[in-house]
Amino acid sequence: MKTFVKILGLASLVALAACDSAKENQVENAYENKADALDNQADNMEAMADNLSGSAENAAENAADVLENKAEATREAGDKAEDAVEKQQ
């Protein structure tokens, strides 16, 4: 019985690993990398805003918010692109 359970568990892990194709992973990684780059730009903008004051600080913080929104939109687009690739298979 233990051997059967081990084989069943191993088969389940293999099936889960096969769920995402290489192309799905490639699409997901590309969008995630772009979103991470936008998040990094937003972090840099927020750090710069800390060194400013008044309207310049507000402008930098607003620009950082825009970048964060773009990062989120990029992640959502990546999810949709990954889903589209999955449906093609």
C-alpha atoms as a PDB file:
ATOM      1  CA  MET A   1       0.000   0.000   0.000  1.00  0.00           C
ATOM      2  CA  LYS A   2       2.823   2.444   0.824  1.00  0.00           C
ATOM      3  CA  THR A   3       4.388   1.883  -2.580  1.00  0.00           C
ATOM      4  CA  PHE A   4       1.065   2.587  -4.286  1.00  0.00           C
ATOM      5  CA  VAL A   5       0.652   5.834  -2.337  1.00  0.00           C
ATOM      6  CA  LYS A   6       4.205   6.897  -3.209  1.00  0.00           C
ATOM      7  CA  ILE A   7       3.635   6.164  -6.897  1.00  0.00           C
ATOM      8  CA  LEU A   8       0.338   8.028  -6.830  1.00  0.00           C
ATOM      9  CA  GLY A   9       1.990  11.021  -5.149  1.00  0.00           C
ATOM     10  CA  LEU A  10       4.851  11.022  -7.629  1.00  0.00           C
ATOM     11  CA  ALA A  11       2.419  10.817 -10.545  1.00  0.00           C
ATOM     12  CA  SER A  12       0.507  13.790  -9.124  1.00  0.00           C
ATOM     13  CA  LEU A  13       3.696  15.851  -8.868  1.00  0.00           C
ATOM     14  CA  VAL A  14       4.657  15.019 -12.445  1.00  0.00           C
ATOM     15  CA  ALA A  15       1.175  15.977 -13.637  1.00  0.00           C
ATOM     16  CA  LEU A  16       1.355  19.304 -11.814  1.00  0.00           C
ATOM     17  CA  ALA A  17       4.789  20.064 -13.207  1.00  0.00           C
ATOM     18  CA  ALA A  18       3.516  19.445 -16.718  1.00  0.00           C
ATOM     19  CA  CYS A  19       0.643  21.928 -16.362  1.00  0.00           C
ATOM     20  CA  ASP A  20       2.662  24.895 -17.569  1.00  0.00           C
ATOM     21  CA  SER A  21       4.404  24.547 -20.896  1.00  0.00           C
ATOM     22  CA  ALA A  22       7.768  26.090 -21.632  1.00  0.00           C
ATOM     23  CA  LYS A  23       6.044  28.725 -23.765  1.00  0.00           C
ATOM     24  CA  GLU A  24       3.651  29.613 -20.914  1.00  0.00           C
ATOM     25  CA  ASN A  25       6.579  29.995 -18.554  1.00  0.00           C
ATOM     26  CA  GLN A  26       8.450  32.107 -21.102  1.00  0.00           C
ATOM     27  CA  VAL A  27       5.487  34.451 -21.546  1.00  0.00           C
ATOM     28  CA  GLU A  28       4.930  34.693 -17.799  1.00  0.00           C
ATOM     29  CA  ASN A  29       8.607  35.405 -17.126  1.00  0.00           C
ATOM     30  CA  ALA A  30       8.803  38.108 -19.793  1.00  0.00           C
ATOM     31  CA  TYR A  31       5.841  40.005 -18.375  1.00  0.00           C
ATOM     32  CA  GLU A  32       6.977  39.484 -14.790  1.00  0.00           C
ATOM     33  CA  ASN A  33      10.462  40.801 -15.604  1.00  0.00           C
ATOM     34  CA  LYS A  34       8.960  43.912 -17.235  1.00  0.00           C
ATOM     35  CA  ALA A  35       6.690  44.464 -14.223  1.00  0.00           C
ATOM     36  CA  ASP A  36       9.627  44.056 -11.837  1.00  0.00           C
ATOM     37  CA  ALA A  37      11.602  46.643 -13.820  1.00  0.00           C
ATOM     38  CA  LEU A  38       8.680  49.082 -13.543  1.00  0.00           C
ATOM     39  CA  ASP A  39       8.446  48.436  -9.798  1.00  0.00           C
ATOM     40  CA  ASN A  40      12.164  49.147  -9.475  1.00  0.00           C
ATOM     41  CA  GLN A  41      11.731  52.422 -11.359  1.00  0.00           C
ATOM     42  CA  ALA A  42       8.870  53.321  -9.023  1.00  0.00           C
ATOM     43  CA  ASP A  43      11.027  52.553  -5.986  1.00  0.00           C
ATOM     44  CA  ASN A  44      13.795  54.762  -7.368  1.00  0.00           C
ATOM     45  CA  MET A  45      11.299  57.538  -8.046  1.00  0.00           C
ATOM     46  CA  GLU A  46       9.964  57.299  -4.485  1.00  0.00           C
ATOM     47  CA  ALA A  47      13.499  57.435  -3.104  1.00  0.00           C
ATOM     48  CA  MET A  48      14.148  60.530  -5.189  1.00  0.00           C
ATOM     49  CA  ALA A  49      10.884  62.059  -3.942  1.00  0.00           C
ATOM     50  CA  ASP A  50      12.138  61.693  -0.369  1.00  0.00           C
ATOM     51  CA  ASN A  51      14.923  64.126  -1.236  1.00  0.00           C
ATOM     52  CA  LEU A  52      12.597  66.709  -2.746  1.00  0.00           C
ATOM     53  CA  SER A  53      10.012  69.008  -1.234  1.00  0.00           C
ATOM     54  CA  GLY A  54       6.738  70.666  -2.147  1.00  0.00           C
ATOM     55  CA  SER A  55       5.346  70.250  -5.628  1.00  0.00           C
ATOM     56  CA  ALA A  56       8.483  68.478  -6.878  1.00  0.00           C
ATOM     57  CA  GLU A  57       7.980  65.803  -4.234  1.00  0.00           C
ATOM     58  CA  ASN A  58       4.309  65.444  -5.188  1.00  0.00           C
ATOM     59  CA  ALA A  59       5.182  65.160  -8.872  1.00  0.00           C
ATOM     60  CA  ALA A  60       7.764  62.451  -8.190  1.00  0.00           C
ATOM     61  CA  GLU A  61       5.347  60.525  -5.980  1.00  0.00           C
ATOM     62  CA  ASN A  62       2.657  60.763  -8.672  1.00  0.00           C
ATOM     63  CA  ALA A  63       5.131  59.476 -11.261  1.00  0.00           C
ATOM     64  CA  ALA A  64       5.970  56.568  -8.948  1.00  0.00           C
ATOM     65  CA  ASP A  65       2.251  55.777  -8.620  1.00  0.00           C
ATOM     66  CA  VAL A  66       1.915  55.744 -12.410  1.00  0.00           C
ATOM     67  CA  LEU A  67       4.825  53.317 -12.679  1.00  0.00           C
ATOM     68  CA  GLU A  68       3.307  51.050 -10.028  1.00  0.00           C
ATOM     69  CA  ASN A  69       0.008  51.060 -11.923  1.00  0.00           C
ATOM     70  CA  LYS A  70       1.848  50.154 -15.136  1.00  0.00           C
ATOM     71  CA  ALA A  71       3.580  47.306 -13.315  1.00  0.00           C
ATOM     72  CA  GLU A  72       0.239  45.944 -12.117  1.00  0.00           C
ATOM     73  CA  ALA A  73      -1.282  46.286 -15.592  1.00  0.00           C
ATOM     74  CA  THR A  74       1.725  44.488 -17.048  1.00  0.00           C
ATOM     75  CA  ARG A  75       1.264  41.608 -14.604  1.00  0.00           C
ATOM     76  CA  GLU A  76      -2.426  41.386 -15.521  1.00  0.00           C
ATOM     77  CA  ALA A  77      -1.563  41.422 -19.236  1.00  0.00           C
ATOM     78  CA  GLY A  78       0.972  38.675 -18.583  1.00  0.00           C
ATOM     79  CA  ASP A  79      -1.672  36.554 -16.879  1.00  0.00           C
ATOM     80  CA  LYS A  80      -3.983  36.998 -19.871  1.00  0.00           C
ATOM     81  CA  ALA A  81      -1.201  36.202 -22.332  1.00  0.00           C
ATOM     82  CA  GLU A  82      -0.298  33.086 -20.370  1.00  0.00           C
ATOM     83  CA  ASP A  83      -3.952  32.012 -20.377  1.00  0.00           C
ATOM     84  CA  ALA A  84      -4.108  32.563 -24.149  1.00  0.00           C
ATOM     85  CA  VAL A  85      -1.050  30.371 -24.668  1.00  0.00           C
ATOM     86  CA  GLU A  86      -2.579  27.689 -22.468  1.00  0.00           C
ATOM     87  CA  LYS A  87      -5.819  27.728 -24.492  1.00  0.00           C
ATOM     88  CA  GLN A  88      -3.864  27.276 -27.735  1.00  0.00           C
ATOM     89  CA  GLN A  89      -2.430  23.998 -26.504  1.00  0.00           C
END
